[in-house]
Amino acid sequence: MPDDDQERQPLPPYLRIAADVREQIASGRLAPGALVPSITRLSQEYEVSRNTAVKALQVLAREGLTYRVAGWGTFVAERD
């Protein structure tokens, strides 16, 4: 059983960003085909490095929630 202190630790920034974008997708604020905020915008909004924002978007892509189009950006994937 996890220790109570471990359960209360905040999420790493990249997981917090991924959770926020995931919630926007689930709620419909970001519809299928919509452009996800850019790496630059996420890094500025969350005050994190670009690498952290990239890692957050990679998490969402691995989950099948987003896909990247080179030169265009990251988009919300169609729902099944």
N, C-alpha and C. Protein backbone atom coordinates (compact mmCIF):
# COMPACT_ATOMS: atom_id res chain seq x y z
N MET A 1 0.86 -1.18 0.00
CA MET A 1 0.00 0.00 0.00
C MET A 1 0.90 1.24 0.00
N PRO A 2 0.59 2.25 -0.89
CA PRO A 2 1.44 3.43 -0.96
C PRO A 2 1.35 4.26 0.31
N ASP A 3 2.43 4.89 0.61
CA ASP A 3 2.53 5.79 1.74
C ASP A 3 1.71 7.04 1.43
N ASP A 4 1.03 7.64 2.44
CA ASP A 4 0.19 8.82 2.22
C ASP A 4 0.96 9.98 1.62
N ASP A 5 2.24 10.15 2.00
CA ASP A 5 3.04 11.24 1.45
C ASP A 5 3.24 11.08 -0.05
N GLN A 6 3.39 9.84 -0.52
CA GLN A 6 3.57 9.60 -1.95
C GLN A 6 2.30 9.95 -2.72
N GLU A 7 1.15 9.68 -2.15
CA GLU A 7 -0.11 9.97 -2.83
C GLU A 7 -0.35 11.47 -2.97
N ARG A 8 0.20 12.27 -2.08
CA ARG A 8 -0.04 13.72 -2.08
C ARG A 8 0.98 14.49 -2.90
N GLN A 9 2.00 13.84 -3.40
CA GLN A 9 3.02 14.54 -4.18
C GLN A 9 2.40 15.04 -5.47
N PRO A 10 2.74 16.28 -5.84
CA PRO A 10 2.18 16.82 -7.09
C PRO A 10 2.74 16.07 -8.30
N LEU A 11 1.97 16.12 -9.37
CA LEU A 11 2.40 15.49 -10.62
C LEU A 11 3.60 16.25 -11.20
N PRO A 12 4.48 15.56 -11.89
CA PRO A 12 5.54 16.27 -12.62
C PRO A 12 4.87 17.21 -13.63
N PRO A 13 5.53 18.31 -13.96
CA PRO A 13 4.91 19.29 -14.86
C PRO A 13 4.40 18.71 -16.18
N TYR A 14 5.16 17.81 -16.80
CA TYR A 14 4.70 17.28 -18.09
C TYR A 14 3.42 16.47 -17.94
N LEU A 15 3.26 15.77 -16.82
CA LEU A 15 2.02 15.02 -16.59
C LEU A 15 0.86 15.95 -16.25
N ARG A 16 1.14 17.06 -15.59
CA ARG A 16 0.10 18.04 -15.28
C ARG A 16 -0.41 18.67 -16.58
N ILE A 17 0.50 19.02 -17.48
CA ILE A 17 0.10 19.58 -18.77
C ILE A 17 -0.71 18.56 -19.56
N ALA A 18 -0.22 17.33 -19.62
CA ALA A 18 -0.94 16.27 -20.34
C ALA A 18 -2.33 16.07 -19.75
N ALA A 19 -2.45 16.10 -18.43
CA ALA A 19 -3.75 15.92 -17.77
C ALA A 19 -4.70 17.07 -18.14
N ASP A 20 -4.18 18.29 -18.17
CA ASP A 20 -5.02 19.44 -18.52
C ASP A 20 -5.51 19.35 -19.97
N VAL A 21 -4.62 19.02 -20.88
CA VAL A 21 -5.02 18.90 -22.29
C VAL A 21 -5.97 17.71 -22.46
N ARG A 22 -5.69 16.60 -21.76
CA ARG A 22 -6.57 15.43 -21.81
C ARG A 22 -7.98 15.80 -21.36
N GLU A 23 -8.08 16.61 -20.31
CA GLU A 23 -9.39 17.05 -19.80
C GLU A 23 -10.10 17.93 -20.82
N GLN A 24 -9.34 18.79 -21.51
CA GLN A 24 -9.94 19.64 -22.55
C GLN A 24 -10.47 18.79 -23.70
N ILE A 25 -9.78 17.72 -24.02
CA ILE A 25 -10.23 16.81 -25.08
C ILE A 25 -11.49 16.07 -24.62
N ALA A 26 -11.46 15.54 -23.40
CA ALA A 26 -12.59 14.78 -22.87
C ALA A 26 -13.85 15.64 -22.75
N SER A 27 -13.67 16.91 -22.40
CA SER A 27 -14.83 17.80 -22.22
C SER A 27 -15.37 18.34 -23.53
N GLY A 28 -14.61 18.17 -24.62
CA GLY A 28 -15.04 18.68 -25.90
C GLY A 28 -14.54 20.08 -26.21
N ARG A 29 -13.83 20.72 -25.27
CA ARG A 29 -13.26 22.04 -25.56
C ARG A 29 -12.25 21.96 -26.70
N LEU A 30 -11.57 20.82 -26.80
CA LEU A 30 -10.71 20.54 -27.95
C LEU A 30 -11.35 19.37 -28.69
N ALA A 31 -12.00 19.66 -29.78
CA ALA A 31 -12.74 18.66 -30.55
C ALA A 31 -11.79 17.88 -31.46
N PRO A 32 -12.22 16.71 -31.93
CA PRO A 32 -11.41 15.97 -32.90
C PRO A 32 -11.06 16.86 -34.09
N GLY A 33 -9.78 16.82 -34.47
CA GLY A 33 -9.29 17.64 -35.56
C GLY A 33 -8.81 19.02 -35.15
N ALA A 34 -9.10 19.41 -33.91
CA ALA A 34 -8.68 20.73 -33.43
C ALA A 34 -7.17 20.77 -33.21
N LEU A 35 -6.62 21.94 -33.41
CA LEU A 35 -5.20 22.17 -33.17
C LEU A 35 -4.96 22.29 -31.67
N VAL A 36 -4.04 21.51 -31.16
CA VAL A 36 -3.66 21.55 -29.75
C VAL A 36 -2.72 22.74 -29.57
N PRO A 37 -2.74 23.41 -28.40
CA PRO A 37 -1.80 24.52 -28.20
C PRO A 37 -0.36 24.10 -28.54
N SER A 38 0.37 25.03 -29.11
CA SER A 38 1.74 24.75 -29.56
C SER A 38 2.68 24.51 -28.39
N ILE A 39 3.83 23.95 -28.71
CA ILE A 39 4.88 23.73 -27.71
C ILE A 39 5.26 25.06 -27.07
N THR A 40 5.42 26.08 -27.90
CA THR A 40 5.78 27.40 -27.37
C THR A 40 4.71 27.92 -26.44
N ARG A 41 3.46 27.82 -26.85
CA ARG A 41 2.37 28.32 -26.00
C ARG A 41 2.28 27.55 -24.69
N LEU A 42 2.38 26.22 -24.75
CA LEU A 42 2.32 25.42 -23.52
C LEU A 42 3.49 25.76 -22.60
N SER A 43 4.69 25.92 -23.16
CA SER A 43 5.85 26.21 -22.32
C SER A 43 5.71 27.58 -21.66
N GLN A 44 5.13 28.54 -22.35
CA GLN A 44 4.92 29.86 -21.77
C GLN A 44 3.78 29.85 -20.74
N GLU A 45 2.70 29.20 -21.09
CA GLU A 45 1.52 29.17 -20.20
C GLU A 45 1.82 28.46 -18.88
N TYR A 46 2.57 27.37 -18.95
CA TYR A 46 2.87 26.58 -17.75
C TYR A 46 4.24 26.93 -17.14
N GLU A 47 4.94 27.87 -17.78
CA GLU A 47 6.26 28.31 -17.31
C GLU A 47 7.21 27.13 -17.14
N VAL A 48 7.32 26.35 -18.22
CA VAL A 48 8.21 25.19 -18.26
C VAL A 48 9.08 25.27 -19.50
N SER A 49 10.08 24.42 -19.58
CA SER A 49 10.93 24.38 -20.77
C SER A 49 10.15 23.79 -21.95
N ARG A 50 10.64 24.06 -23.14
CA ARG A 50 10.04 23.49 -24.34
C ARG A 50 10.11 21.97 -24.29
N ASN A 51 11.20 21.42 -23.74
CA ASN A 51 11.34 19.97 -23.63
C ASN A 51 10.22 19.36 -22.79
N THR A 52 9.83 20.06 -21.73
CA THR A 52 8.74 19.58 -20.88
C THR A 52 7.42 19.57 -21.65
N ALA A 53 7.18 20.63 -22.43
CA ALA A 53 5.95 20.69 -23.24
C ALA A 53 5.96 19.59 -24.30
N VAL A 54 7.11 19.34 -24.92
CA VAL A 54 7.22 18.26 -25.90
C VAL A 54 6.89 16.93 -25.25
N LYS A 55 7.42 16.70 -24.07
CA LYS A 55 7.18 15.44 -23.36
C LYS A 55 5.69 15.26 -23.06
N ALA A 56 5.01 16.34 -22.69
CA ALA A 56 3.57 16.27 -22.42
C ALA A 56 2.81 15.86 -23.68
N LEU A 57 3.17 16.46 -24.82
CA LEU A 57 2.49 16.12 -26.07
C LEU A 57 2.81 14.69 -26.50
N GLN A 58 4.00 14.21 -26.20
CA GLN A 58 4.35 12.83 -26.52
C GLN A 58 3.49 11.85 -25.72
N VAL A 59 3.21 12.18 -24.47
CA VAL A 59 2.35 11.33 -23.64
C VAL A 59 0.97 11.20 -24.30
N LEU A 60 0.42 12.33 -24.73
CA LEU A 60 -0.91 12.32 -25.35
C LEU A 60 -0.91 11.55 -26.67
N ALA A 61 0.16 11.67 -27.43
CA ALA A 61 0.27 10.93 -28.69
C ALA A 61 0.34 9.43 -28.44
N ARG A 62 1.13 9.03 -27.44
CA ARG A 62 1.22 7.60 -27.10
C ARG A 62 -0.13 7.04 -26.66
N GLU A 63 -0.94 7.88 -26.04
CA GLU A 63 -2.28 7.45 -25.60
C GLU A 63 -3.27 7.44 -26.77
N GLY A 64 -2.85 7.91 -27.92
CA GLY A 64 -3.72 7.94 -29.09
C GLY A 64 -4.69 9.11 -29.11
N LEU A 65 -4.47 10.10 -28.24
CA LEU A 65 -5.37 11.25 -28.17
C LEU A 65 -5.02 12.34 -29.16
N THR A 66 -3.76 12.39 -29.58
CA THR A 66 -3.32 13.42 -30.51
C THR A 66 -2.42 12.81 -31.57
N TYR A 67 -2.19 13.57 -32.62
CA TYR A 67 -1.21 13.18 -33.64
C TYR A 67 -0.54 14.45 -34.14
N ARG A 68 0.68 14.31 -34.62
CA ARG A 68 1.47 15.44 -35.08
C ARG A 68 1.57 15.43 -36.60
N VAL A 69 1.46 16.62 -37.18
CA VAL A 69 1.66 16.81 -38.60
C VAL A 69 2.84 17.76 -38.75
N ALA A 70 3.94 17.26 -39.33
CA ALA A 70 5.14 18.07 -39.46
C ALA A 70 4.84 19.39 -40.18
N GLY A 71 5.29 20.47 -39.60
CA GLY A 71 5.08 21.79 -40.18
C GLY A 71 3.75 22.42 -39.87
N TRP A 72 2.84 21.68 -39.27
CA TRP A 72 1.50 22.19 -38.95
C TRP A 72 1.21 22.23 -37.47
N GLY A 73 1.57 21.18 -36.74
CA GLY A 73 1.32 21.16 -35.31
C GLY A 73 0.75 19.84 -34.85
N THR A 74 0.17 19.86 -33.67
CA THR A 74 -0.43 18.68 -33.04
C THR A 74 -1.94 18.85 -33.05
N PHE A 75 -2.64 17.79 -33.42
CA PHE A 75 -4.09 17.83 -33.54
C PHE A 75 -4.73 16.75 -32.68
N VAL A 76 -5.99 16.98 -32.31
CA VAL A 76 -6.76 16.00 -31.55
C VAL A 76 -7.18 14.89 -32.50
N ALA A 77 -6.92 13.66 -32.09
CA ALA A 77 -7.29 12.49 -32.90
C ALA A 77 -8.80 12.28 -32.88
N GLU A 78 -9.29 11.63 -33.92
CA GLU A 78 -10.71 11.27 -33.98
C GLU A 78 -11.00 10.23 -32.89
N ARG A 79 -12.17 10.33 -32.31
CA ARG A 79 -12.56 9.35 -31.29
C ARG A 79 -13.13 8.11 -31.97
N ASP A 80 -12.91 6.98 -31.30
CA ASP A 80 -13.45 5.72 -31.84
C ASP A 80 -14.92 5.57 -31.58
